[in-house]
């Protein structure tokens, strides 16, 4: 579905790509660069992955401004 929508708008579409897989992400960005035209690179990520306090925060995975040493500086971004 997304590919046809972007195609109708004259954009190339790549993805979805695992945004946590650096090798796959770099390859997708290289393919996008080679297009020589506007490209939408669809990356899928998981909020807080790799930061234990965020992974343990079921409410919003600390989706806001945080200090890695002390935790949240303010509430979640809306």
Protein backbone atom coordinates (compact mmCIF):
# COMPACT_ATOMS: atom_id res chain seq x y z
CA UNK A 1 0.00 0.00 0.00
CA UNK A 2 2.59 2.71 0.95
CA UNK A 3 4.69 2.00 -2.14
CA UNK A 4 1.81 2.71 -4.53
CA UNK A 5 0.83 5.88 -2.65
CA UNK A 6 4.35 7.33 -2.84
CA UNK A 7 4.70 6.18 -6.44
CA UNK A 8 1.56 8.14 -7.35
CA UNK A 9 3.20 11.21 -5.77
CA UNK A 10 6.33 10.71 -7.87
CA UNK A 11 8.46 9.46 -4.97
CA UNK A 12 10.51 6.29 -4.70
CA UNK A 13 9.82 4.10 -1.66
CA UNK A 14 12.22 1.76 0.17
CA UNK A 15 11.21 -0.35 3.10
CA UNK A 16 10.23 -1.17 5.58
CA UNK A 17 13.76 -1.37 7.02
CA UNK A 18 14.70 -2.39 10.57
CA UNK A 19 15.95 0.94 11.90
CA UNK A 20 17.97 -0.84 14.60
CA UNK A 21 19.92 -2.90 12.04
CA UNK A 22 22.68 -0.45 11.11
CA UNK A 23 23.89 -2.57 8.17
CA UNK A 24 20.38 -2.80 6.65
CA UNK A 25 19.76 0.89 7.30
CA UNK A 26 23.04 1.92 5.64
CA UNK A 27 22.25 -0.28 2.63
CA UNK A 28 18.79 1.29 2.29
CA UNK A 29 20.23 4.80 2.52
CA UNK A 30 22.85 3.94 -0.12
CA UNK A 31 20.08 2.63 -2.41
CA UNK A 32 18.10 5.83 -1.77
CA UNK A 33 21.13 7.99 -2.56
CA UNK A 34 21.66 6.12 -5.84
CA UNK A 35 18.12 6.94 -7.00
CA UNK A 36 19.05 10.56 -7.70
CA UNK A 37 15.47 11.54 -6.90
CA UNK A 38 13.30 11.97 -3.79
CA UNK A 39 12.99 8.73 -1.80
CA UNK A 40 10.97 7.78 1.26
CA UNK A 41 12.93 5.34 3.44
CA UNK A 42 10.47 3.62 5.78
CA UNK A 43 12.32 2.67 8.99
CA UNK A 44 10.72 0.70 11.80
CA UNK A 45 12.15 1.21 15.28
CA UNK A 46 11.12 0.45 18.84
CA UNK A 47 11.13 3.32 21.33
CA UNK A 48 13.76 2.97 24.02
CA UNK A 49 15.50 -0.09 22.57
CA UNK A 50 18.90 -0.52 24.21
CA UNK A 51 18.23 1.85 27.13
CA UNK A 52 17.07 -0.31 30.07
CA UNK A 53 15.04 2.38 31.92
CA UNK A 54 13.09 3.13 28.73
CA UNK A 55 12.55 -0.55 27.92
CA UNK A 56 11.13 -1.07 31.42
CA UNK A 57 8.82 1.97 31.19
CA UNK A 58 5.65 0.41 29.73
CA UNK A 59 3.69 3.70 29.69
CA UNK A 60 5.62 5.52 26.97
CA UNK A 61 9.16 4.04 26.96
CA UNK A 62 10.45 7.41 28.25
CA UNK A 63 9.43 9.06 25.00
CA UNK A 64 10.40 12.55 26.05
CA UNK A 65 13.39 14.58 27.11
CA UNK A 66 15.63 12.56 29.41
CA UNK A 67 19.01 12.74 31.03
CA UNK A 68 20.61 9.27 30.75
CA UNK A 69 22.04 9.64 34.26
CA UNK A 70 19.01 10.98 36.16
CA UNK A 71 15.99 10.02 34.03
CA UNK A 72 13.07 12.10 32.70
CA UNK A 73 13.45 15.90 32.70
CA UNK A 74 9.78 16.46 31.90
CA UNK A 75 6.66 14.52 30.93
CA UNK A 76 6.18 12.62 27.67
CA UNK A 77 6.01 14.52 24.41
CA UNK A 78 2.51 14.68 22.99
